[in-house]
Every structure is written in C-alpha cells, then in structure tokens.
Amino acid sequence: MYFTEIKKQIEFMMQENYEDFIKALISIELGIKDKNVLNNVYNKYMENDDVNLIDDNLSDFVDEI
C-alpha cells in the first residue's frame, strides 16, 4: 500500500468516526487496553485544547525546511 492510499483511508476513518479513530491512535501509542481508561483519556484530550496528538517538534521541523 502506498502513501496516498493510506492517507485516503486515514482521512475516511477520521470522517466516519472521529472518536474511535482518536481512541485507536491513543490505544496504540500508549498501549491502553482498558476501555474505561481509554474513554477517560479521550475525554481529557477533547477537553484540553493544549494537548496535541502530533508532537510540536514536528511542526518545528517543517518550519526549519
């Protein structure tokens, strides 16, 4: 599978069910298996505008290019 195909699939998943998409990313990255914990983390993420899923350093890398 190529970059553009993967990107399209990710965009589709985000549009279809944003909540579960974000929960899946959080679960994968943090190894969370407990749904109650995952729900709480997701809710805190949604309530806090200062939390990013993508590290701010990546934006800095783009600015440097």
N, C-alpha and C. Protein backbone atom coordinates (compact mmCIF):
# COMPACT_ATOMS: atom_id res chain seq x y z
N MET A 1 0.85 -1.17 0.00
CA MET A 1 0.00 0.00 0.00
C MET A 1 0.90 1.24 0.00
N TYR A 2 0.49 2.23 -0.73
CA TYR A 2 1.29 3.43 -0.89
C TYR A 2 0.76 4.57 -0.03
N PHE A 3 1.61 5.58 0.13
CA PHE A 3 1.30 6.74 0.97
C PHE A 3 -0.07 7.33 0.68
N THR A 4 -0.37 7.61 -0.59
CA THR A 4 -1.64 8.27 -0.92
C THR A 4 -2.84 7.40 -0.57
N GLU A 5 -2.72 6.09 -0.74
CA GLU A 5 -3.82 5.19 -0.38
C GLU A 5 -4.03 5.16 1.13
N ILE A 6 -2.93 5.09 1.86
CA ILE A 6 -3.02 5.08 3.32
C ILE A 6 -3.62 6.39 3.81
N LYS A 7 -3.16 7.51 3.25
CA LYS A 7 -3.68 8.82 3.65
C LYS A 7 -5.18 8.90 3.41
N LYS A 8 -5.65 8.43 2.27
CA LYS A 8 -7.08 8.46 1.96
C LYS A 8 -7.87 7.61 2.95
N GLN A 9 -7.33 6.45 3.30
CA GLN A 9 -8.02 5.58 4.26
C GLN A 9 -8.09 6.23 5.64
N ILE A 10 -7.01 6.86 6.05
CA ILE A 10 -7.00 7.54 7.34
C ILE A 10 -8.00 8.68 7.35
N GLU A 11 -8.02 9.47 6.28
CA GLU A 11 -8.98 10.57 6.19
C GLU A 11 -10.42 10.05 6.25
N PHE A 12 -10.68 8.94 5.58
CA PHE A 12 -12.01 8.33 5.61
C PHE A 12 -12.38 7.91 7.03
N MET A 13 -11.46 7.25 7.72
CA MET A 13 -11.73 6.81 9.09
C MET A 13 -12.01 7.99 10.00
N MET A 14 -11.25 9.07 9.83
CA MET A 14 -11.46 10.27 10.65
C MET A 14 -12.85 10.85 10.42
N GLN A 15 -13.27 10.87 9.17
CA GLN A 15 -14.58 11.45 8.84
C GLN A 15 -15.73 10.55 9.28
N GLU A 16 -15.54 9.25 9.21
CA GLU A 16 -16.60 8.31 9.56
C GLU A 16 -16.85 8.25 11.07
N ASN A 17 -15.77 8.20 11.85
CA ASN A 17 -15.93 8.06 13.30
C ASN A 17 -14.69 8.62 13.99
N TYR A 18 -14.68 9.94 14.15
CA TYR A 18 -13.51 10.63 14.69
C TYR A 18 -13.15 10.11 16.09
N GLU A 19 -14.15 9.94 16.92
CA GLU A 19 -13.89 9.50 18.30
C GLU A 19 -13.15 8.17 18.34
N ASP A 20 -13.65 7.18 17.63
CA ASP A 20 -12.99 5.87 17.64
C ASP A 20 -11.63 5.91 16.95
N PHE A 21 -11.48 6.76 15.95
CA PHE A 21 -10.18 6.92 15.29
C PHE A 21 -9.15 7.43 16.29
N ILE A 22 -9.50 8.48 17.03
CA ILE A 22 -8.58 9.04 18.02
C ILE A 22 -8.30 8.04 19.13
N LYS A 23 -9.34 7.35 19.59
CA LYS A 23 -9.15 6.34 20.63
C LYS A 23 -8.20 5.24 20.16
N ALA A 24 -8.33 4.84 18.92
CA ALA A 24 -7.45 3.80 18.39
C ALA A 24 -6.00 4.27 18.38
N LEU A 25 -5.77 5.51 17.96
CA LEU A 25 -4.40 6.05 17.97
C LEU A 25 -3.84 6.10 19.39
N ILE A 26 -4.63 6.61 20.31
CA ILE A 26 -4.19 6.70 21.70
C ILE A 26 -3.89 5.30 22.25
N SER A 27 -4.77 4.36 21.98
CA SER A 27 -4.59 3.00 22.46
C SER A 27 -3.31 2.37 21.92
N ILE A 28 -3.06 2.56 20.64
CA ILE A 28 -1.85 2.01 20.02
C ILE A 28 -0.60 2.65 20.60
N GLU A 29 -0.59 3.97 20.67
CA GLU A 29 0.61 4.69 21.11
C GLU A 29 0.92 4.48 22.59
N LEU A 30 -0.12 4.38 23.41
CA LEU A 30 0.10 4.27 24.86
C LEU A 30 -0.11 2.86 25.39
N GLY A 31 -0.54 1.95 24.54
CA GLY A 31 -0.75 0.57 24.96
C GLY A 31 -1.93 0.40 25.90
N ILE A 32 -2.92 1.27 25.78
CA ILE A 32 -4.10 1.20 26.65
C ILE A 32 -5.06 0.15 26.11
N LYS A 33 -5.41 -0.81 26.97
CA LYS A 33 -6.36 -1.85 26.58
C LYS A 33 -7.69 -1.72 27.33
N ASP A 34 -7.65 -1.09 28.49
CA ASP A 34 -8.84 -0.90 29.32
C ASP A 34 -9.72 0.20 28.71
N LYS A 35 -10.95 -0.15 28.34
CA LYS A 35 -11.84 0.82 27.68
C LYS A 35 -12.21 1.99 28.58
N ASN A 36 -12.34 1.75 29.88
CA ASN A 36 -12.65 2.85 30.79
C ASN A 36 -11.52 3.86 30.84
N VAL A 37 -10.30 3.36 30.92
CA VAL A 37 -9.14 4.25 30.92
C VAL A 37 -9.08 5.00 29.60
N LEU A 38 -9.28 4.28 28.51
CA LEU A 38 -9.23 4.90 27.18
C LEU A 38 -10.30 5.99 27.05
N ASN A 39 -11.50 5.73 27.51
CA ASN A 39 -12.56 6.74 27.46
C ASN A 39 -12.20 7.97 28.27
N ASN A 40 -11.61 7.77 29.45
CA ASN A 40 -11.21 8.90 30.28
C ASN A 40 -10.10 9.71 29.62
N VAL A 41 -9.13 9.03 29.05
CA VAL A 41 -8.03 9.74 28.37
C VAL A 41 -8.58 10.51 27.18
N TYR A 42 -9.46 9.89 26.41
CA TYR A 42 -10.06 10.56 25.25
C TYR A 42 -10.83 11.82 25.70
N ASN A 43 -11.63 11.69 26.75
CA ASN A 43 -12.40 12.84 27.23
C ASN A 43 -11.49 13.97 27.69
N LYS A 44 -10.42 13.63 28.39
CA LYS A 44 -9.47 14.66 28.82
C LYS A 44 -8.79 15.31 27.62
N TYR A 45 -8.48 14.51 26.62
CA TYR A 45 -7.88 15.04 25.39
C TYR A 45 -8.84 16.03 24.72
N MET A 46 -10.11 15.68 24.62
CA MET A 46 -11.09 16.54 23.96
C MET A 46 -11.36 17.82 24.76
N GLU A 47 -11.20 17.75 26.08
CA GLU A 47 -11.45 18.92 26.93
C GLU A 47 -10.27 19.88 26.97
N ASN A 48 -9.10 19.43 26.54
CA ASN A 48 -7.88 20.21 26.69
C ASN A 48 -7.33 20.61 25.32
N ASP A 49 -7.49 21.88 24.98
CA ASP A 49 -7.01 22.37 23.68
C ASP A 49 -5.49 22.45 23.58
N ASP A 50 -4.81 22.33 24.71
CA ASP A 50 -3.35 22.43 24.71
C ASP A 50 -2.66 21.10 24.40
N VAL A 51 -3.42 20.01 24.31
CA VAL A 51 -2.85 18.69 24.06
C VAL A 51 -2.93 18.38 22.57
N ASN A 52 -1.79 18.01 21.99
CA ASN A 52 -1.73 17.64 20.58
C ASN A 52 -1.39 16.17 20.44
N LEU A 53 -1.96 15.52 19.44
CA LEU A 53 -1.58 14.13 19.16
C LEU A 53 -0.24 14.06 18.45
N ILE A 54 0.06 15.10 17.69
CA ILE A 54 1.33 15.17 16.97
C ILE A 54 2.26 16.08 17.75
N ASP A 55 3.44 15.62 18.03
CA ASP A 55 4.42 16.39 18.79
C ASP A 55 4.70 17.72 18.10
N ASP A 56 4.75 18.78 18.89
CA ASP A 56 5.03 20.12 18.36
C ASP A 56 6.36 20.20 17.64
N ASN A 57 7.30 19.33 18.01
CA ASN A 57 8.61 19.34 17.35
C ASN A 57 8.48 19.05 15.85
N LEU A 58 7.49 18.27 15.45
CA LEU A 58 7.31 18.00 14.03
C LEU A 58 6.98 19.28 13.27
N SER A 59 6.17 20.14 13.87
CA SER A 59 5.87 21.43 13.23
C SER A 59 7.13 22.27 13.13
N ASP A 60 7.96 22.20 14.15
CA ASP A 60 9.23 22.94 14.11
C ASP A 60 10.12 22.43 12.99
N PHE A 61 10.14 21.12 12.78
CA PHE A 61 10.94 20.55 11.69
C PHE A 61 10.48 21.09 10.35
N VAL A 62 9.16 21.18 10.17
CA VAL A 62 8.62 21.70 8.91
C VAL A 62 9.03 23.15 8.73
N ASP A 63 8.96 23.93 9.80
CA ASP A 63 9.35 25.34 9.72
C ASP A 63 10.81 25.52 9.36
N GLU A 64 11.65 24.58 9.78
CA GLU A 64 13.08 24.66 9.50
C GLU A 64 13.43 24.36 8.05
N ILE A 65 12.55 23.65 7.37
CA ILE A 65 12.85 23.23 5.99
C ILE A 65 12.66 24.39 5.04
